[in-house]
Amino acid sequence: MAKHKQKNSQKKQENQISLKDQLNSDLVKQLQAKKHALVKREEQRIEEEQKEKERARKEKEKNKSFEELFNESDLKWNEFK
């Protein structure tokens, strides 16, 4: 029974024509170019987000008060007395 199902599924796979086979080559090339452009655009978006986060972090660090900087310091000021 299992062998029979395997043979049927193999026949179905052989009979099926993939979408790529049905489309003409120009359309496939256009779709691949579009995919490449979308991937490139997504990479640029992620890079811009990272740059914006870095800029915001630097701006926040620049605007910290002396008290905030003092509290974040790891130095033990008692040792320098």
PDB file of N, CA and C in Angstrom:
ATOM      1  N   MET A   1       0.831  -1.184   0.000  1.00  0.00           N
ATOM      2  CA  MET A   1       0.000   0.000   0.000  1.00  0.00           C
ATOM      3  C   MET A   1       0.874   1.246   0.000  1.00  0.00           C
ATOM      4  N   ALA A   2       1.904   1.267   0.843  1.00  0.00           N
ATOM      5  CA  ALA A   2       2.783   2.438   0.927  1.00  0.00           C
ATOM      6  C   ALA A   2       3.566   2.607  -0.369  1.00  0.00           C
ATOM      7  N   LYS A   3       4.001   1.479  -0.945  1.00  0.00           N
ATOM      8  CA  LYS A   3       4.743   1.551  -2.204  1.00  0.00           C
ATOM      9  C   LYS A   3       3.861   2.101  -3.318  1.00  0.00           C
ATOM     10  N   HIS A   4       2.595   1.719  -3.282  1.00  0.00           N
ATOM     11  CA  HIS A   4       1.649   2.183  -4.287  1.00  0.00           C
ATOM     12  C   HIS A   4       1.467   3.699  -4.208  1.00  0.00           C
ATOM     13  N   LYS A   5       1.399   4.235  -2.969  1.00  0.00           N
ATOM     14  CA  LYS A   5       1.247   5.680  -2.778  1.00  0.00           C
ATOM     15  C   LYS A   5       2.499   6.414  -3.245  1.00  0.00           C
ATOM     16  N   GLN A   6       3.666   5.819  -2.994  1.00  0.00           N
ATOM     17  CA  GLN A   6       4.907   6.448  -3.429  1.00  0.00           C
ATOM     18  C   GLN A   6       4.967   6.518  -4.957  1.00  0.00           C
ATOM     19  N   LYS A   7       4.540   5.448  -5.610  1.00  0.00           N
ATOM     20  CA  LYS A   7       4.555   5.440  -7.070  1.00  0.00           C
ATOM     21  C   LYS A   7       3.602   6.491  -7.625  1.00  0.00           C
ATOM     22  N   ASN A   8       2.413   6.624  -6.997  1.00  0.00           N
ATOM     23  CA  ASN A   8       1.440   7.617  -7.440  1.00  0.00           C
ATOM     24  C   ASN A   8       1.985   9.029  -7.257  1.00  0.00           C
ATOM     25  N   SER A   9       2.633   9.280  -6.125  1.00  0.00           N
ATOM     26  CA  SER A   9       3.160  10.622  -5.879  1.00  0.00           C
ATOM     27  C   SER A   9       4.309  10.933  -6.832  1.00  0.00           C
ATOM     28  N   GLN A  10       5.126   9.931  -7.162  1.00  0.00           N
ATOM     29  CA  GLN A  10       6.200  10.156  -8.120  1.00  0.00           C
ATOM     30  C   GLN A  10       5.639  10.467  -9.508  1.00  0.00           C
ATOM     31  N   LYS A  11       4.580   9.787  -9.901  1.00  0.00           N
ATOM     32  CA  LYS A  11       3.955  10.040 -11.192  1.00  0.00           C
ATOM     33  C   LYS A  11       3.376  11.447 -11.240  1.00  0.00           C
ATOM     34  N   LYS A  12       2.745  11.891 -10.125  1.00  0.00           N
ATOM     35  CA  LYS A  12       2.173  13.231 -10.074  1.00  0.00           C
ATOM     36  C   LYS A  12       3.267  14.279 -10.199  1.00  0.00           C
ATOM     37  N   GLN A  13       4.395  14.055  -9.539  1.00  0.00           N
ATOM     38  CA  GLN A  13       5.492  15.011  -9.606  1.00  0.00           C
ATOM     39  C   GLN A  13       6.059  15.084 -11.016  1.00  0.00           C
ATOM     40  N   GLU A  14       6.130  13.960 -11.698  1.00  0.00           N
ATOM     41  CA  GLU A  14       6.635  13.946 -13.063  1.00  0.00           C
ATOM     42  C   GLU A  14       5.668  14.653 -14.007  1.00  0.00           C
ATOM     43  N   ASN A  15       4.377  14.501 -13.767  1.00  0.00           N
ATOM     44  CA  ASN A  15       3.361  15.092 -14.637  1.00  0.00           C
ATOM     45  C   ASN A  15       3.201  16.586 -14.400  1.00  0.00           C
ATOM     46  N   GLN A  16       3.519  17.051 -13.218  1.00  0.00           N
ATOM     47  CA  GLN A  16       3.352  18.466 -12.909  1.00  0.00           C
ATOM     48  C   GLN A  16       4.453  19.274 -13.585  1.00  0.00           C
ATOM     49  N   ILE A  17       4.066  20.376 -14.143  1.00  0.00           N
ATOM     50  CA  ILE A  17       5.016  21.294 -14.758  1.00  0.00           C
ATOM     51  C   ILE A  17       5.139  22.474 -13.810  1.00  0.00           C
ATOM     52  N   SER A  18       6.370  22.865 -13.539  1.00  0.00           N
ATOM     53  CA  SER A  18       6.567  23.958 -12.592  1.00  0.00           C
ATOM     54  C   SER A  18       6.155  25.285 -13.224  1.00  0.00           C
ATOM     55  N   LEU A  19       5.921  26.254 -12.385  1.00  0.00           N
ATOM     56  CA  LEU A  19       5.523  27.579 -12.841  1.00  0.00           C
ATOM     57  C   LEU A  19       6.631  28.201 -13.698  1.00  0.00           C
ATOM     58  N   LYS A  20       7.872  27.967 -13.300  1.00  0.00           N
ATOM     59  CA  LYS A  20       9.012  28.497 -14.057  1.00  0.00           C
ATOM     60  C   LYS A  20       9.024  27.947 -15.480  1.00  0.00           C
ATOM     61  N   ASP A  21       8.650  26.694 -15.640  1.00  0.00           N
ATOM     62  CA  ASP A  21       8.604  26.079 -16.966  1.00  0.00           C
ATOM     63  C   ASP A  21       7.497  26.691 -17.824  1.00  0.00           C
ATOM     64  N   GLN A  22       6.416  27.106 -17.197  1.00  0.00           N
ATOM     65  CA  GLN A  22       5.285  27.655 -17.935  1.00  0.00           C
ATOM     66  C   GLN A  22       5.530  29.101 -18.363  1.00  0.00           C
ATOM     67  N   LEU A  23       6.288  29.854 -17.588  1.00  0.00           N
ATOM     68  CA  LEU A  23       6.531  31.258 -17.897  1.00  0.00           C
ATOM     69  C   LEU A  23       7.647  31.394 -18.928  1.00  0.00           C
ATOM     70  N   ASN A  24       7.565  32.447 -19.728  1.00  0.00           N
ATOM     71  CA  ASN A  24       8.644  32.648 -20.677  1.00  0.00           C
ATOM     72  C   ASN A  24       9.864  33.228 -19.969  1.00  0.00           C
ATOM     73  N   SER A  25      11.008  33.112 -20.592  1.00  0.00           N
ATOM     74  CA  SER A  25      12.265  33.473 -19.932  1.00  0.00           C
ATOM     75  C   SER A  25      12.348  34.966 -19.616  1.00  0.00           C
ATOM     76  N   ASP A  26      11.764  35.821 -20.453  1.00  0.00           N
ATOM     77  CA  ASP A  26      11.802  37.258 -20.180  1.00  0.00           C
ATOM     78  C   ASP A  26      11.063  37.604 -18.896  1.00  0.00           C
ATOM     79  N   LEU A  27       9.935  36.984 -18.703  1.00  0.00           N
ATOM     80  CA  LEU A  27       9.146  37.234 -17.499  1.00  0.00           C
ATOM     81  C   LEU A  27       9.888  36.725 -16.253  1.00  0.00           C
ATOM     82  N   VAL A  28      10.535  35.583 -16.378  1.00  0.00           N
ATOM     83  CA  VAL A  28      11.309  35.042 -15.261  1.00  0.00           C
ATOM     84  C   VAL A  28      12.447  35.999 -14.913  1.00  0.00           C
ATOM     85  N   LYS A  29      13.113  36.532 -15.921  1.00  0.00           N
ATOM     86  CA  LYS A  29      14.207  37.485 -15.683  1.00  0.00           C
ATOM     87  C   LYS A  29      13.683  38.752 -15.016  1.00  0.00           C
ATOM     88  N   GLN A  30      12.521  39.229 -15.453  1.00  0.00           N
ATOM     89  CA  GLN A  30      11.931  40.420 -14.843  1.00  0.00           C
ATOM     90  C   GLN A  30      11.587  40.175 -13.373  1.00  0.00           C
ATOM     91  N   LEU A  31      11.029  39.016 -13.098  1.00  0.00           N
ATOM     92  CA  LEU A  31      10.677  38.684 -11.715  1.00  0.00           C
ATOM     93  C   LEU A  31      11.921  38.556 -10.839  1.00  0.00           C
ATOM     94  N   GLN A  32      12.973  37.971 -11.379  1.00  0.00           N
ATOM     95  CA  GLN A  32      14.212  37.848 -10.615  1.00  0.00           C
ATOM     96  C   GLN A  32      14.835  39.219 -10.366  1.00  0.00           C
ATOM     97  N   ALA A  33      14.775  40.108 -11.350  1.00  0.00           N
ATOM     98  CA  ALA A  33      15.299  41.464 -11.182  1.00  0.00           C
ATOM     99  C   ALA A  33      14.491  42.218 -10.126  1.00  0.00           C
ATOM    100  N   LYS A  34      13.178  42.048 -10.147  1.00  0.00           N
ATOM    101  CA  LYS A  34      12.307  42.685  -9.160  1.00  0.00           C
ATOM    102  C   LYS A  34      12.618  42.165  -7.756  1.00  0.00           C
ATOM    103  N   LYS A  35      12.843  40.861  -7.648  1.00  0.00           N
ATOM    104  CA  LYS A  35      13.190  40.265  -6.362  1.00  0.00           C
ATOM    105  C   LYS A  35      14.508  40.842  -5.854  1.00  0.00           C
ATOM    106  N   HIS A  36      15.479  40.949  -6.740  1.00  0.00           N
ATOM    107  CA  HIS A  36      16.787  41.498  -6.370  1.00  0.00           C
ATOM    108  C   HIS A  36      16.639  42.954  -5.912  1.00  0.00           C
ATOM    109  N   ALA A  37      15.825  43.719  -6.611  1.00  0.00           N
ATOM    110  CA  ALA A  37      15.611  45.121  -6.242  1.00  0.00           C
ATOM    111  C   ALA A  37      14.937  45.234  -4.876  1.00  0.00           C
ATOM    112  N   LEU A  38      13.981  44.380  -4.604  1.00  0.00           N
ATOM    113  CA  LEU A  38      13.297  44.407  -3.312  1.00  0.00           C
ATOM    114  C   LEU A  38      14.237  44.021  -2.170  1.00  0.00           C
ATOM    115  N   VAL A  39      15.093  43.054  -2.408  1.00  0.00           N
ATOM    116  CA  VAL A  39      16.064  42.653  -1.392  1.00  0.00           C
ATOM    117  C   VAL A  39      17.029  43.804  -1.123  1.00  0.00           C
ATOM    118  N   LYS A  40      17.477  44.456  -2.180  1.00  0.00           N
ATOM    119  CA  LYS A  40      18.402  45.584  -2.051  1.00  0.00           C
ATOM    120  C   LYS A  40      17.738  46.725  -1.269  1.00  0.00           C
ATOM    121  N   ARG A  41      16.479  47.013  -1.573  1.00  0.00           N
ATOM    122  CA  ARG A  41      15.746  48.074  -0.892  1.00  0.00           C
ATOM    123  C   ARG A  41      15.581  47.755   0.595  1.00  0.00           C
ATOM    124  N   GLU A  42      15.308  46.492   0.906  1.00  0.00           N
ATOM    125  CA  GLU A  42      15.157  46.074   2.304  1.00  0.00           C
ATOM    126  C   GLU A  42      16.482  46.228   3.050  1.00  0.00           C
ATOM    127  N   GLU A  43      17.588  45.865   2.408  1.00  0.00           N
ATOM    128  CA  GLU A  43      18.903  46.025   3.030  1.00  0.00           C
ATOM    129  C   GLU A  43      19.192  47.502   3.306  1.00  0.00           C
ATOM    130  N   GLN A  44      18.851  48.364   2.377  1.00  0.00           N
ATOM    131  CA  GLN A  44      19.061  49.800   2.560  1.00  0.00           C
ATOM    132  C   GLN A  44      18.205  50.336   3.702  1.00  0.00           C
ATOM    133  N   ARG A  45      16.974  49.862   3.806  1.00  0.00           N
ATOM    134  CA  ARG A  45      16.079  50.299   4.875  1.00  0.00           C
ATOM    135  C   ARG A  45      16.647  49.907   6.231  1.00  0.00           C
ATOM    136  N   ILE A  46      17.132  48.691   6.331  1.00  0.00           N
ATOM    137  CA  ILE A  46      17.709  48.217   7.591  1.00  0.00           C
ATOM    138  C   ILE A  46      18.952  49.025   7.943  1.00  0.00           C
ATOM    139  N   GLU A  47      19.781  49.311   6.949  1.00  0.00           N
ATOM    140  CA  GLU A  47      20.986  50.105   7.183  1.00  0.00           C
ATOM    141  C   GLU A  47      20.633  51.517   7.652  1.00  0.00           C
ATOM    142  N   GLU A  48      19.621  52.118   7.048  1.00  0.00           N
ATOM    143  CA  GLU A  48      19.182  53.453   7.459  1.00  0.00           C
ATOM    144  C   GLU A  48      18.647  53.443   8.891  1.00  0.00           C
ATOM    145  N   GLU A  49      17.906  52.402   9.244  1.00  0.00           N
ATOM    146  CA  GLU A  49      17.396  52.295  10.613  1.00  0.00           C
ATOM    147  C   GLU A  49      18.542  52.199  11.612  1.00  0.00           C
ATOM    148  N   GLN A  50      19.564  51.424  11.268  1.00  0.00           N
ATOM    149  CA  GLN A  50      20.720  51.288  12.152  1.00  0.00           C
ATOM    150  C   GLN A  50      21.451  52.616  12.308  1.00  0.00           C
ATOM    151  N   LYS A  51      21.605  53.346  11.221  1.00  0.00           N
ATOM    152  CA  LYS A  51      22.260  54.652  11.284  1.00  0.00           C
ATOM    153  C   LYS A  51      21.451  55.623  12.151  1.00  0.00           C
ATOM    154  N   GLU A  52      20.142  55.591  12.012  1.00  0.00           N
ATOM    155  CA  GLU A  52      19.282  56.476  12.800  1.00  0.00           C
ATOM    156  C   GLU A  52      19.362  56.140  14.289  1.00  0.00           C
ATOM    157  N   LYS A  53      19.381  54.848  14.609  1.00  0.00           N
ATOM    158  CA  LYS A  53      19.507  54.442  16.008  1.00  0.00           C
ATOM    159  C   LYS A  53      20.848  54.893  16.579  1.00  0.00           C
ATOM    160  N   GLU A  54      21.911  54.751  15.808  1.00  0.00           N
ATOM    161  CA  GLU A  54      23.240  55.168  16.263  1.00  0.00           C
ATOM    162  C   GLU A  54      23.283  56.685  16.474  1.00  0.00           C
ATOM    163  N   ARG A  55      22.677  57.431  15.552  1.00  0.00           N
ATOM    164  CA  ARG A  55      22.640  58.883  15.693  1.00  0.00           C
ATOM    165  C   ARG A  55      21.857  59.293  16.942  1.00  0.00           C
ATOM    166  N   ALA A  56      20.722  58.639  17.175  1.00  0.00           N
ATOM    167  CA  ALA A  56      19.902  58.940  18.353  1.00  0.00           C
ATOM    168  C   ALA A  56      20.654  58.594  19.636  1.00  0.00           C
ATOM    169  N   ARG A  57      21.392  57.484  19.630  1.00  0.00           N
ATOM    170  CA  ARG A  57      22.161  57.093  20.807  1.00  0.00           C
ATOM    171  C   ARG A  57      23.253  58.115  21.096  1.00  0.00           C
ATOM    172  N   LYS A  58      23.941  58.565  20.058  1.00  0.00           N
ATOM    173  CA  LYS A  58      24.992  59.566  20.242  1.00  0.00           C
ATOM    174  C   LYS A  58      24.410  60.882  20.735  1.00  0.00           C
ATOM    175  N   GLU A  59      23.267  61.263  20.207  1.00  0.00           N
ATOM    176  CA  GLU A  59      22.615  62.511  20.633  1.00  0.00           C
ATOM    177  C   GLU A  59      22.195  62.417  22.097  1.00  0.00           C
ATOM    178  N   LYS A  60      21.671  61.270  22.500  1.00  0.00           N
ATOM    179  CA  LYS A  60      21.266  61.083  23.891  1.00  0.00           C
ATOM    180  C   LYS A  60      22.486  61.141  24.807  1.00  0.00           C
ATOM    181  N   GLU A  61      23.577  60.495  24.390  1.00  0.00           N
ATOM    182  CA  GLU A  61      24.811  60.510  25.178  1.00  0.00           C
ATOM    183  C   GLU A  61      25.356  61.933  25.300  1.00  0.00           C
ATOM    184  N   LYS A  62      25.253  62.679  24.242  1.00  0.00           N
ATOM    185  CA  LYS A  62      25.754  64.055  24.224  1.00  0.00           C
ATOM    186  C   LYS A  62      24.949  64.957  25.168  1.00  0.00           C
ATOM    187  N   ASN A  63      23.668  64.675  25.319  1.00  0.00           N
ATOM    188  CA  ASN A  63      22.792  65.527  26.121  1.00  0.00           C
ATOM    189  C   ASN A  63      22.659  65.077  27.580  1.00  0.00           C
ATOM    190  N   LYS A  64      23.452  64.109  27.999  1.00  0.00           N
ATOM    191  CA  LYS A  64      23.364  63.648  29.390  1.00  0.00           C
ATOM    192  C   LYS A  64      23.922  64.713  30.331  1.00  0.00           C
ATOM    193  N   SER A  65      23.311  64.786  31.493  1.00  0.00           N
ATOM    194  CA  SER A  65      23.778  65.730  32.509  1.00  0.00           C
ATOM    195  C   SER A  65      24.987  65.141  33.237  1.00  0.00           C
ATOM    196  N   PHE A  66      25.649  65.976  33.983  1.00  0.00           N
ATOM    197  CA  PHE A  66      26.807  65.521  34.746  1.00  0.00           C
ATOM    198  C   PHE A  66      26.410  64.431  35.734  1.00  0.00           C
ATOM    199  N   GLU A  67      25.264  64.579  36.345  1.00  0.00           N
ATOM    200  CA  GLU A  67      24.801  63.588  37.318  1.00  0.00           C
ATOM    201  C   GLU A  67      24.633  62.216  36.669  1.00  0.00           C
ATOM    202  N   GLU A  68      24.025  62.172  35.481  1.00  0.00           N
ATOM    203  CA  GLU A  68      23.838  60.903  34.784  1.00  0.00           C
ATOM    204  C   GLU A  68      25.174  60.271  34.425  1.00  0.00           C
ATOM    205  N   LEU A  69      26.107  61.086  33.930  1.00  0.00           N
ATOM    206  CA  LEU A  69      27.431  60.573  33.599  1.00  0.00           C
ATOM    207  C   LEU A  69      28.152  60.067  34.856  1.00  0.00           C
ATOM    208  N   PHE A  70      28.029  60.807  35.934  1.00  0.00           N
ATOM    209  CA  PHE A  70      28.662  60.429  37.197  1.00  0.00           C
ATOM    210  C   PHE A  70      28.102  59.102  37.710  1.00  0.00           C
ATOM    211  N   ASN A  71      26.797  58.929  37.641  1.00  0.00           N
ATOM    212  CA  ASN A  71      26.159  57.699  38.123  1.00  0.00           C
ATOM    213  C   ASN A  71      26.513  56.486  37.260  1.00  0.00           C
ATOM    214  N   GLU A  72      26.774  56.692  35.991  1.00  0.00           N
ATOM    215  CA  GLU A  72      27.122  55.591  35.090  1.00  0.00           C
ATOM    216  C   GLU A  72      28.594  55.214  35.179  1.00  0.00           C
ATOM    217  N   SER A  73      29.396  56.055  35.765  1.00  0.00           N
ATOM    218  CA  SER A  73      30.824  55.814  35.850  1.00  0.00           C
ATOM    219  C   SER A  73      31.120  54.624  36.757  1.00  0.00           C
ATOM    220  N   ASP A  74      32.098  53.807  36.342  1.00  0.00           N
ATOM    221  CA  ASP A  74      32.490  52.644  37.135  1.00  0.00           C
ATOM    222  C   ASP A  74      33.594  52.978  38.132  1.00  0.00           C
ATOM    223  N   LEU A  75      34.132  54.160  38.051  1.00  0.00           N
ATOM    224  CA  LEU A  75      35.226  54.537  38.944  1.00  0.00           C
ATOM    225  C   LEU A  75      34.725  54.703  40.368  1.00  0.00           C
ATOM    226  N   LYS A  76      35.542  54.322  41.308  1.00  0.00           N
ATOM    227  CA  LYS A  76      35.228  54.490  42.725  1.00  0.00           C
ATOM    228  C   LYS A  76      35.879  55.793  43.177  1.00  0.00           C
ATOM    229  N   TRP A  77      35.093  56.807  43.308  1.00  0.00           N
ATOM    230  CA  TRP A  77      35.628  58.125  43.614  1.00  0.00           C
ATOM    231  C   TRP A  77      36.191  58.204  45.042  1.00  0.00           C
ATOM    232  N   ASN A  78      35.785  57.295  45.928  1.00  0.00           N
ATOM    233  CA  ASN A  78      36.303  57.274  47.289  1.00  0.00           C
ATOM    234  C   ASN A  78      37.802  56.905  47.313  1.00  0.00           C
ATOM    235  N   GLU A  79      38.231  56.159  46.321  1.00  0.00           N
ATOM    236  CA  GLU A  79      39.628  55.730  46.257  1.00  0.00           C
ATOM    237  C   GLU A  79      40.565  56.886  45.922  1.00  0.00           C
ATOM    238  N   PHE A  80      40.062  57.941  45.363  1.00  0.00           N
ATOM    239  CA  PHE A  80      40.900  59.046  44.926  1.00  0.00           C
ATOM    240  C   PHE A  80      40.977  60.180  45.951  1.00  0.00           C
ATOM    241  N   LYS A  81      40.350  60.032  47.100  1.00  0.00           N
ATOM    242  CA  LYS A  81      40.365  61.064  48.132  1.00  0.00           C
ATOM    243  C   LYS A  81      41.689  61.115  48.836  1.00  0.00           C
TER     244      LYS A  81
END
